Amino acid sequence: MESLYRGRFLELVRDGHWEYTRRCQSRAVVCAIAVTETDHVLLVEQYRPPVRQRVLELPAGLVGDEAGREAEPDLHAIQRELLEETGFLSSDWKFRGEYVSSAGLTNETTVFYEARNCRRAGTGGGVAGENIQIHEIPRQHAPSWLTERIQSGKLLDAKIWAGLWFLDH
């Protein structure tokens, strides 16, 4: 394997004839399929430079990306991220699997966790500079609410649809 470029967070590598990216400072991404005590799904919206607009997403973050947290368990990482991004906590967590997002482009995997009975414990909004907007959508209306956003030109992370599927299966 040959390193073509290495930045602070990503590396572009060539393995035979295949070129792809990999993360330099984290093991995985974790995301939460979070549902409040009142059966609302928690989504976040933030600006994403690669697509030059705000994107609707599940609360998520990197595992092991900060000094001193290299060995952080996935569950601890998503609990931390859910609180940082949404201001919600849960004590009812269920592992839903680890999946690839774009196997031809990156080695990155996403670990899904379902969080039930989430309750507000803070303001959320992310860490400095993230400017995260929190959406609490009644679970039964989430598919139609998301479809309306798509029709209005909003970009969504496709993991939201997987998360909604997990809630019913």
C-alpha atoms as a PDB file:
ATOM      1  CA  MET A   1       0.000   0.000   0.000  1.00  0.00           C
ATOM      2  CA  GLU A   2       1.314   3.428  -0.986  1.00  0.00           C
ATOM      3  CA  SER A   3       0.427   6.694   0.749  1.00  0.00           C
ATOM      4  CA  LEU A   4      -0.323   9.361  -1.887  1.00  0.00           C
ATOM      5  CA  TYR A   5      -1.235  12.149   0.523  1.00  0.00           C
ATOM      6  CA  ARG A   6      -1.656  12.431   4.273  1.00  0.00           C
ATOM      7  CA  GLY A   7      -3.434  15.331   5.921  1.00  0.00           C
ATOM      8  CA  ARG A   8      -4.385  15.866   9.537  1.00  0.00           C
ATOM      9  CA  PHE A   9      -7.548  13.732   9.364  1.00  0.00           C
ATOM     10  CA  LEU A  10      -7.466  11.804   6.073  1.00  0.00           C
ATOM     11  CA  GLU A  11      -5.007   9.833   4.011  1.00  0.00           C
ATOM     12  CA  LEU A  12      -5.284   8.992   0.315  1.00  0.00           C
ATOM     13  CA  VAL A  13      -3.748   5.589  -0.410  1.00  0.00           C
ATOM     14  CA  ARG A  14      -3.170   3.332  -3.406  1.00  0.00           C
ATOM     15  CA  ASP A  15      -3.508  -0.403  -2.988  1.00  0.00           C
ATOM     16  CA  GLY A  16      -2.618  -2.003  -6.318  1.00  0.00           C
ATOM     17  CA  HIS A  17      -4.766  -0.144  -8.868  1.00  0.00           C
ATOM     18  CA  TRP A  18      -7.309   1.062  -6.230  1.00  0.00           C
ATOM     19  CA  GLU A  19      -7.176   4.512  -4.634  1.00  0.00           C
ATOM     20  CA  TYR A  20      -9.206   5.313  -1.527  1.00  0.00           C
ATOM     21  CA  THR A  21      -9.263   7.406   1.616  1.00  0.00           C
ATOM     22  CA  ARG A  22      -8.889   6.347   5.198  1.00  0.00           C
ATOM     23  CA  ARG A  23      -9.128   8.188   8.479  1.00  0.00           C
ATOM     24  CA  CYS A  24      -5.848   8.974  10.227  1.00  0.00           C
ATOM     25  CA  GLN A  25      -7.111   9.656  13.747  1.00  0.00           C
ATOM     26  CA  SER A  26     -10.160   7.495  14.431  1.00  0.00           C
ATOM     27  CA  ARG A  27     -11.286   3.887  14.414  1.00  0.00           C
ATOM     28  CA  ALA A  28     -14.872   4.407  13.263  1.00  0.00           C
ATOM     29  CA  VAL A  29     -17.898   6.659  13.145  1.00  0.00           C
ATOM     30  CA  VAL A  30     -20.707   6.082  15.623  1.00  0.00           C
ATOM     31  CA  CYS A  31     -24.276   7.248  15.096  1.00  0.00           C
ATOM     32  CA  ALA A  32     -27.396   7.300  17.243  1.00  0.00           C
ATOM     33  CA  ILE A  33     -30.919   6.437  16.229  1.00  0.00           C
ATOM     34  CA  ALA A  34     -32.294   8.461  19.111  1.00  0.00           C
ATOM     35  CA  VAL A  35     -35.933   8.512  20.215  1.00  0.00           C
ATOM     36  CA  THR A  36     -37.203  10.687  23.057  1.00  0.00           C
ATOM     37  CA  GLU A  37     -39.526   9.673  25.881  1.00  0.00           C
ATOM     38  CA  THR A  38     -42.333  11.295  23.840  1.00  0.00           C
ATOM     39  CA  ASP A  39     -41.536   9.219  20.707  1.00  0.00           C
ATOM     40  CA  HIS A  40     -39.750  11.954  18.747  1.00  0.00           C
ATOM     41  CA  VAL A  41     -36.746  11.121  16.552  1.00  0.00           C
ATOM     42  CA  LEU A  42     -33.707  13.347  17.124  1.00  0.00           C
ATOM     43  CA  LEU A  43     -31.952  14.619  14.012  1.00  0.00           C
ATOM     44  CA  VAL A  44     -29.216  17.184  13.622  1.00  0.00           C
ATOM     45  CA  GLU A  45     -28.483  19.658  10.853  1.00  0.00           C
ATOM     46  CA  GLN A  46     -25.094  21.194  10.214  1.00  0.00           C
ATOM     47  CA  TYR A  47     -23.023  22.749   7.459  1.00  0.00           C
ATOM     48  CA  ARG A  48     -20.832  20.267   5.568  1.00  0.00           C
ATOM     49  CA  PRO A  49     -18.058  21.859   3.472  1.00  0.00           C
ATOM     50  CA  PRO A  50     -17.729  18.997   0.920  1.00  0.00           C
ATOM     51  CA  VAL A  51     -21.322  19.576  -0.267  1.00  0.00           C
ATOM     52  CA  ARG A  52     -21.347  23.314   0.569  1.00  0.00           C
ATOM     53  CA  GLN A  53     -24.636  23.233   2.459  1.00  0.00           C
ATOM     54  CA  ARG A  54     -26.358  22.174   5.638  1.00  0.00           C
ATOM     55  CA  VAL A  55     -27.231  18.463   5.817  1.00  0.00           C
ATOM     56  CA  LEU A  56     -29.775  16.588   7.945  1.00  0.00           C
ATOM     57  CA  GLU A  57     -28.153  13.666   9.762  1.00  0.00           C
ATOM     58  CA  LEU A  58     -28.397  11.288  12.681  1.00  0.00           C
ATOM     59  CA  PRO A  59     -26.361  12.459  15.687  1.00  0.00           C
ATOM     60  CA  ALA A  60     -22.884  11.042  15.084  1.00  0.00           C
ATOM     61  CA  GLY A  61     -19.190  11.442  15.652  1.00  0.00           C
ATOM     62  CA  LEU A  62     -15.749   9.896  15.467  1.00  0.00           C
ATOM     63  CA  VAL A  63     -14.335   7.302  17.861  1.00  0.00           C
ATOM     64  CA  GLY A  64     -10.825   7.746  19.233  1.00  0.00           C
ATOM     65  CA  ASP A  65     -10.148  11.014  17.398  1.00  0.00           C
ATOM     66  CA  GLU A  66      -8.946  13.061  20.373  1.00  0.00           C
ATOM     67  CA  ALA A  67      -5.802  12.733  22.466  1.00  0.00           C
ATOM     68  CA  GLY A  68      -6.518  10.650  25.542  1.00  0.00           C
ATOM     69  CA  ARG A  69      -9.589   9.044  23.940  1.00  0.00           C
ATOM     70  CA  GLU A  70      -7.847   6.686  21.512  1.00  0.00           C
ATOM     71  CA  ALA A  71      -9.202   3.604  23.347  1.00  0.00           C
ATOM     72  CA  GLU A  72     -12.665   5.052  23.968  1.00  0.00           C
ATOM     73  CA  PRO A  73     -15.358   2.347  23.608  1.00  0.00           C
ATOM     74  CA  ASP A  74     -17.841   2.939  20.784  1.00  0.00           C
ATOM     75  CA  LEU A  75     -20.782   3.159  23.187  1.00  0.00           C
ATOM     76  CA  HIS A  76     -19.076   5.853  25.273  1.00  0.00           C
ATOM     77  CA  ALA A  77     -18.292   7.808  22.105  1.00  0.00           C
ATOM     78  CA  ILE A  78     -21.907   7.843  20.902  1.00  0.00           C
ATOM     79  CA  GLN A  79     -23.222   8.705  24.358  1.00  0.00           C
ATOM     80  CA  ARG A  80     -20.829  11.674  24.426  1.00  0.00           C
ATOM     81  CA  GLU A  81     -21.760  12.725  20.885  1.00  0.00           C
ATOM     82  CA  LEU A  82     -25.519  12.508  21.527  1.00  0.00           C
ATOM     83  CA  LEU A  83     -25.191  14.812  24.524  1.00  0.00           C
ATOM     84  CA  GLU A  84     -22.846  17.252  22.732  1.00  0.00           C
ATOM     85  CA  GLU A  85     -24.952  17.484  19.592  1.00  0.00           C
ATOM     86  CA  THR A  86     -28.525  17.244  20.905  1.00  0.00           C
ATOM     87  CA  GLY A  87     -28.382  17.828  24.655  1.00  0.00           C
ATOM     88  CA  PHE A  88     -30.081  14.454  25.250  1.00  0.00           C
ATOM     89  CA  LEU A  89     -29.059  11.424  27.320  1.00  0.00           C
ATOM     90  CA  SER A  90     -30.311   7.841  27.344  1.00  0.00           C
ATOM     91  CA  SER A  91     -29.728   4.808  29.539  1.00  0.00           C
ATOM     92  CA  ASP A  92     -31.489   2.507  27.039  1.00  0.00           C
ATOM     93  CA  TRP A  93     -28.950   1.648  24.290  1.00  0.00           C
ATOM     94  CA  LYS A  94     -28.966  -1.172  21.744  1.00  0.00           C
ATOM     95  CA  PHE A  95     -26.145  -2.046  19.327  1.00  0.00           C
ATOM     96  CA  ARG A  96     -27.483  -2.225  15.736  1.00  0.00           C
ATOM     97  CA  GLY A  97     -24.369  -3.224  13.807  1.00  0.00           C
ATOM     98  CA  GLU A  98     -21.333  -1.873  11.980  1.00  0.00           C
ATOM     99  CA  TYR A  99     -21.649  -0.978   8.300  1.00  0.00           C
ATOM    100  CA  VAL A 100     -19.645   0.529   5.436  1.00  0.00           C
ATOM    101  CA  SER A 101     -20.797   3.762   3.859  1.00  0.00           C
ATOM    102  CA  SER A 102     -18.907   3.813   0.572  1.00  0.00           C
ATOM    103  CA  ALA A 103     -16.689   0.733   0.303  1.00  0.00           C
ATOM    104  CA  GLY A 104     -15.192   1.828  -3.022  1.00  0.00           C
ATOM    105  CA  LEU A 105     -14.103   5.207  -1.640  1.00  0.00           C
ATOM    106  CA  THR A 106     -13.129   4.736   2.005  1.00  0.00           C
ATOM    107  CA  ASN A 107     -12.381   2.184   4.700  1.00  0.00           C
ATOM    108  CA  GLU A 108     -14.601   4.116   7.117  1.00  0.00           C
ATOM    109  CA  THR A 109     -17.271   2.154   8.964  1.00  0.00           C
ATOM    110  CA  THR A 110     -20.282   3.412  10.911  1.00  0.00           C
ATOM    111  CA  VAL A 111     -21.448   1.754  14.118  1.00  0.00           C
ATOM    112  CA  PHE A 112     -25.178   2.207  14.693  1.00  0.00           C
ATOM    113  CA  TYR A 113     -26.721   2.404  18.163  1.00  0.00           C
ATOM    114  CA  GLU A 114     -30.386   2.798  18.990  1.00  0.00           C
ATOM    115  CA  ALA A 115     -31.122   5.032  21.991  1.00  0.00           C
ATOM    116  CA  ARG A 116     -34.618   4.927  23.470  1.00  0.00           C
ATOM    117  CA  ASN A 117     -36.265   7.075  26.144  1.00  0.00           C
ATOM    118  CA  CYS A 118     -33.894   9.984  25.538  1.00  0.00           C
ATOM    119  CA  ARG A 119     -34.339  12.899  27.909  1.00  0.00           C
ATOM    120  CA  ARG A 120     -33.024  16.439  27.752  1.00  0.00           C
ATOM    121  CA  ALA A 121     -29.956  17.070  29.903  1.00  0.00           C
ATOM    122  CA  GLY A 122     -28.361  20.069  28.168  1.00  0.00           C
ATOM    123  CA  THR A 123     -28.620  22.505  25.285  1.00  0.00           C
ATOM    124  CA  GLY A 124     -26.778  20.558  22.597  1.00  0.00           C
ATOM    125  CA  GLY A 125     -25.622  22.337  19.457  1.00  0.00           C
ATOM    126  CA  GLY A 126     -22.227  20.656  19.272  1.00  0.00           C
ATOM    127  CA  VAL A 127     -18.787  21.847  20.241  1.00  0.00           C
ATOM    128  CA  ALA A 128     -17.309  25.207  19.272  1.00  0.00           C
ATOM    129  CA  GLY A 129     -17.797  25.983  15.588  1.00  0.00           C
ATOM    130  CA  GLU A 130     -20.261  23.170  14.778  1.00  0.00           C
ATOM    131  CA  ASN A 131     -23.431  25.302  14.913  1.00  0.00           C
ATOM    132  CA  ILE A 132     -25.720  22.250  15.020  1.00  0.00           C
ATOM    133  CA  GLN A 133     -29.474  22.700  14.768  1.00  0.00           C
ATOM    134  CA  ILE A 134     -31.533  20.024  16.548  1.00  0.00           C
ATOM    135  CA  HIS A 135     -34.779  18.641  15.100  1.00  0.00           C
ATOM    136  CA  GLU A 136     -37.266  16.660  17.201  1.00  0.00           C
ATOM    137  CA  ILE A 137     -39.683  14.992  14.786  1.00  0.00           C
ATOM    138  CA  PRO A 138     -42.647  12.821  15.827  1.00  0.00           C
ATOM    139  CA  ARG A 139     -41.495   9.332  14.844  1.00  0.00           C
ATOM    140  CA  GLN A 140     -44.658   8.464  12.899  1.00  0.00           C
ATOM    141  CA  HIS A 141     -44.292  11.664  10.821  1.00  0.00           C
ATOM    142  CA  ALA A 142     -40.540  11.397  10.215  1.00  0.00           C
ATOM    143  CA  PRO A 143     -40.742   9.787   6.720  1.00  0.00           C
ATOM    144  CA  SER A 144     -43.146  12.436   5.391  1.00  0.00           C
ATOM    145  CA  TRP A 145     -41.211  15.245   7.106  1.00  0.00           C
ATOM    146  CA  LEU A 146     -37.983  14.016   5.494  1.00  0.00           C
ATOM    147  CA  THR A 147     -39.628  13.619   2.079  1.00  0.00           C
ATOM    148  CA  GLU A 148     -40.805  17.245   2.283  1.00  0.00           C
ATOM    149  CA  ARG A 149     -37.241  18.350   3.048  1.00  0.00           C
ATOM    150  CA  ILE A 150     -35.897  16.379   0.069  1.00  0.00           C
ATOM    151  CA  GLN A 151     -38.521  17.938  -2.224  1.00  0.00           C
ATOM    152  CA  SER A 152     -37.485  21.398  -1.022  1.00  0.00           C
ATOM    153  CA  GLY A 153     -33.848  20.705  -1.984  1.00  0.00           C
ATOM    154  CA  LYS A 154     -32.453  19.797   1.446  1.00  0.00           C
ATOM    155  CA  LEU A 155     -29.679  17.188   1.514  1.00  0.00           C
ATOM    156  CA  LEU A 156     -30.061  14.224   3.863  1.00  0.00           C
ATOM    157  CA  ASP A 157     -27.554  11.658   4.988  1.00  0.00           C
ATOM    158  CA  ALA A 158     -28.944   8.295   3.815  1.00  0.00           C
ATOM    159  CA  LYS A 159     -28.175   6.757   7.223  1.00  0.00           C
ATOM    160  CA  ILE A 160     -31.357   8.441   8.487  1.00  0.00           C
ATOM    161  CA  TRP A 161     -33.458   6.008   6.427  1.00  0.00           C
ATOM    162  CA  ALA A 162     -31.522   3.046   7.809  1.00  0.00           C
ATOM    163  CA  GLY A 163     -32.071   4.379  11.320  1.00  0.00           C
ATOM    164  CA  LEU A 164     -35.823   4.686  10.823  1.00  0.00           C
ATOM    165  CA  TRP A 165     -35.909   1.123   9.492  1.00  0.00           C
ATOM    166  CA  PHE A 166     -34.057  -0.124  12.607  1.00  0.00           C
ATOM    167  CA  LEU A 167     -36.694   1.472  14.854  1.00  0.00           C
ATOM    168  CA  ASP A 168     -39.399  -0.733  13.367  1.00  0.00           C
ATOM    169  CA  HIS A 169     -37.389  -3.961  12.947  1.00  0.00           C
END
